[in-house]
């Protein structure tokens, strides 16, 4: 695993055979906007697991 001292992130991860499994190819250091943390769940199925379990 190689680390970027500047970003303090692992930039390349390899398996035991030396094959690349994951690699960072770009990084943006600008602050995240509030939109990054908005929940956007349109068109997803909503269910109430508690209600499903209670059998009501």
C-alpha atoms as a PDB file:
ATOM      1  CA  UNK A   1       0.000   0.000   0.000  1.00  0.00           C
ATOM      2  CA  UNK A   2       1.373   3.394  -0.943  1.00  0.00           C
ATOM      3  CA  UNK A   3       0.274   6.500   0.928  1.00  0.00           C
ATOM      4  CA  UNK A   4       0.146  10.089  -0.155  1.00  0.00           C
ATOM      5  CA  UNK A   5       1.864  12.168   2.521  1.00  0.00           C
ATOM      6  CA  UNK A   6       0.024  15.219   1.216  1.00  0.00           C
ATOM      7  CA  UNK A   7      -3.496  13.728   1.298  1.00  0.00           C
ATOM      8  CA  UNK A   8      -2.820  11.160   4.028  1.00  0.00           C
ATOM      9  CA  UNK A   9      -4.753   8.586   2.011  1.00  0.00           C
ATOM     10  CA  UNK A  10      -3.837   5.185   0.648  1.00  0.00           C
ATOM     11  CA  UNK A  11      -3.454   5.765  -3.089  1.00  0.00           C
ATOM     12  CA  UNK A  12      -2.778   2.207  -4.200  1.00  0.00           C
ATOM     13  CA  UNK A  13      -3.764  -1.084  -2.598  1.00  0.00           C
ATOM     14  CA  UNK A  14      -2.475  -4.406  -3.882  1.00  0.00           C
ATOM     15  CA  UNK A  15      -3.266  -7.997  -2.981  1.00  0.00           C
ATOM     16  CA  UNK A  16      -0.694 -10.544  -1.825  1.00  0.00           C
ATOM     17  CA  UNK A  17       0.193 -11.323  -5.441  1.00  0.00           C
ATOM     18  CA  UNK A  18       1.022  -7.691  -6.207  1.00  0.00           C
ATOM     19  CA  UNK A  19      -2.117  -7.126  -8.300  1.00  0.00           C
ATOM     20  CA  UNK A  20      -3.693  -3.675  -7.969  1.00  0.00           C
ATOM     21  CA  UNK A  21      -7.094  -3.944  -6.274  1.00  0.00           C
ATOM     22  CA  UNK A  22      -7.892  -0.271  -5.661  1.00  0.00           C
ATOM     23  CA  UNK A  23      -6.294   2.973  -6.793  1.00  0.00           C
ATOM     24  CA  UNK A  24      -7.000   6.677  -6.330  1.00  0.00           C
ATOM     25  CA  UNK A  25      -6.652   8.449  -9.651  1.00  0.00           C
ATOM     26  CA  UNK A  26      -7.789  11.938  -8.614  1.00  0.00           C
ATOM     27  CA  UNK A  27      -8.419  13.897  -5.436  1.00  0.00           C
ATOM     28  CA  UNK A  28     -10.214  17.175  -4.842  1.00  0.00           C
ATOM     29  CA  UNK A  29      -9.175  19.084  -1.726  1.00  0.00           C
ATOM     30  CA  UNK A  30     -11.908  21.708  -1.877  1.00  0.00           C
ATOM     31  CA  UNK A  31     -14.297  21.726   1.104  1.00  0.00           C
ATOM     32  CA  UNK A  32     -17.386  19.555   0.689  1.00  0.00           C
ATOM     33  CA  UNK A  33     -20.614  21.458   0.099  1.00  0.00           C
ATOM     34  CA  UNK A  34     -23.746  20.891   2.185  1.00  0.00           C
ATOM     35  CA  UNK A  35     -25.264  19.072  -0.820  1.00  0.00           C
ATOM     36  CA  UNK A  36     -22.821  16.220  -0.260  1.00  0.00           C
ATOM     37  CA  UNK A  37     -24.715  15.282   2.873  1.00  0.00           C
ATOM     38  CA  UNK A  38     -28.280  15.709   1.505  1.00  0.00           C
ATOM     39  CA  UNK A  39     -30.381  12.576   1.571  1.00  0.00           C
ATOM     40  CA  UNK A  40     -31.824  11.964  -1.886  1.00  0.00           C
ATOM     41  CA  UNK A  41     -34.088   8.966  -1.703  1.00  0.00           C
ATOM     42  CA  UNK A  42     -36.576   9.681  -4.485  1.00  0.00           C
ATOM     43  CA  UNK A  43     -37.917   6.582  -6.223  1.00  0.00           C
ATOM     44  CA  UNK A  44     -36.645   4.250  -3.501  1.00  0.00           C
ATOM     45  CA  UNK A  45     -39.054   1.857  -1.823  1.00  0.00           C
ATOM     46  CA  UNK A  46     -39.786   2.845   1.762  1.00  0.00           C
ATOM     47  CA  UNK A  47     -40.832   0.261   4.285  1.00  0.00           C
ATOM     48  CA  UNK A  48     -41.299   0.101   8.003  1.00  0.00           C
ATOM     49  CA  UNK A  49     -39.475  -3.028   9.125  1.00  0.00           C
ATOM     50  CA  UNK A  50     -40.931  -2.712  12.629  1.00  0.00           C
ATOM     51  CA  UNK A  51     -44.452  -2.812  11.236  1.00  0.00           C
ATOM     52  CA  UNK A  52     -43.566  -5.739   8.965  1.00  0.00           C
ATOM     53  CA  UNK A  53     -42.228  -7.708  11.922  1.00  0.00           C
ATOM     54  CA  UNK A  54     -45.195  -6.958  14.203  1.00  0.00           C
ATOM     55  CA  UNK A  55     -47.587  -8.380  11.586  1.00  0.00           C
ATOM     56  CA  UNK A  56     -49.987  -5.453  11.700  1.00  0.00           C
END
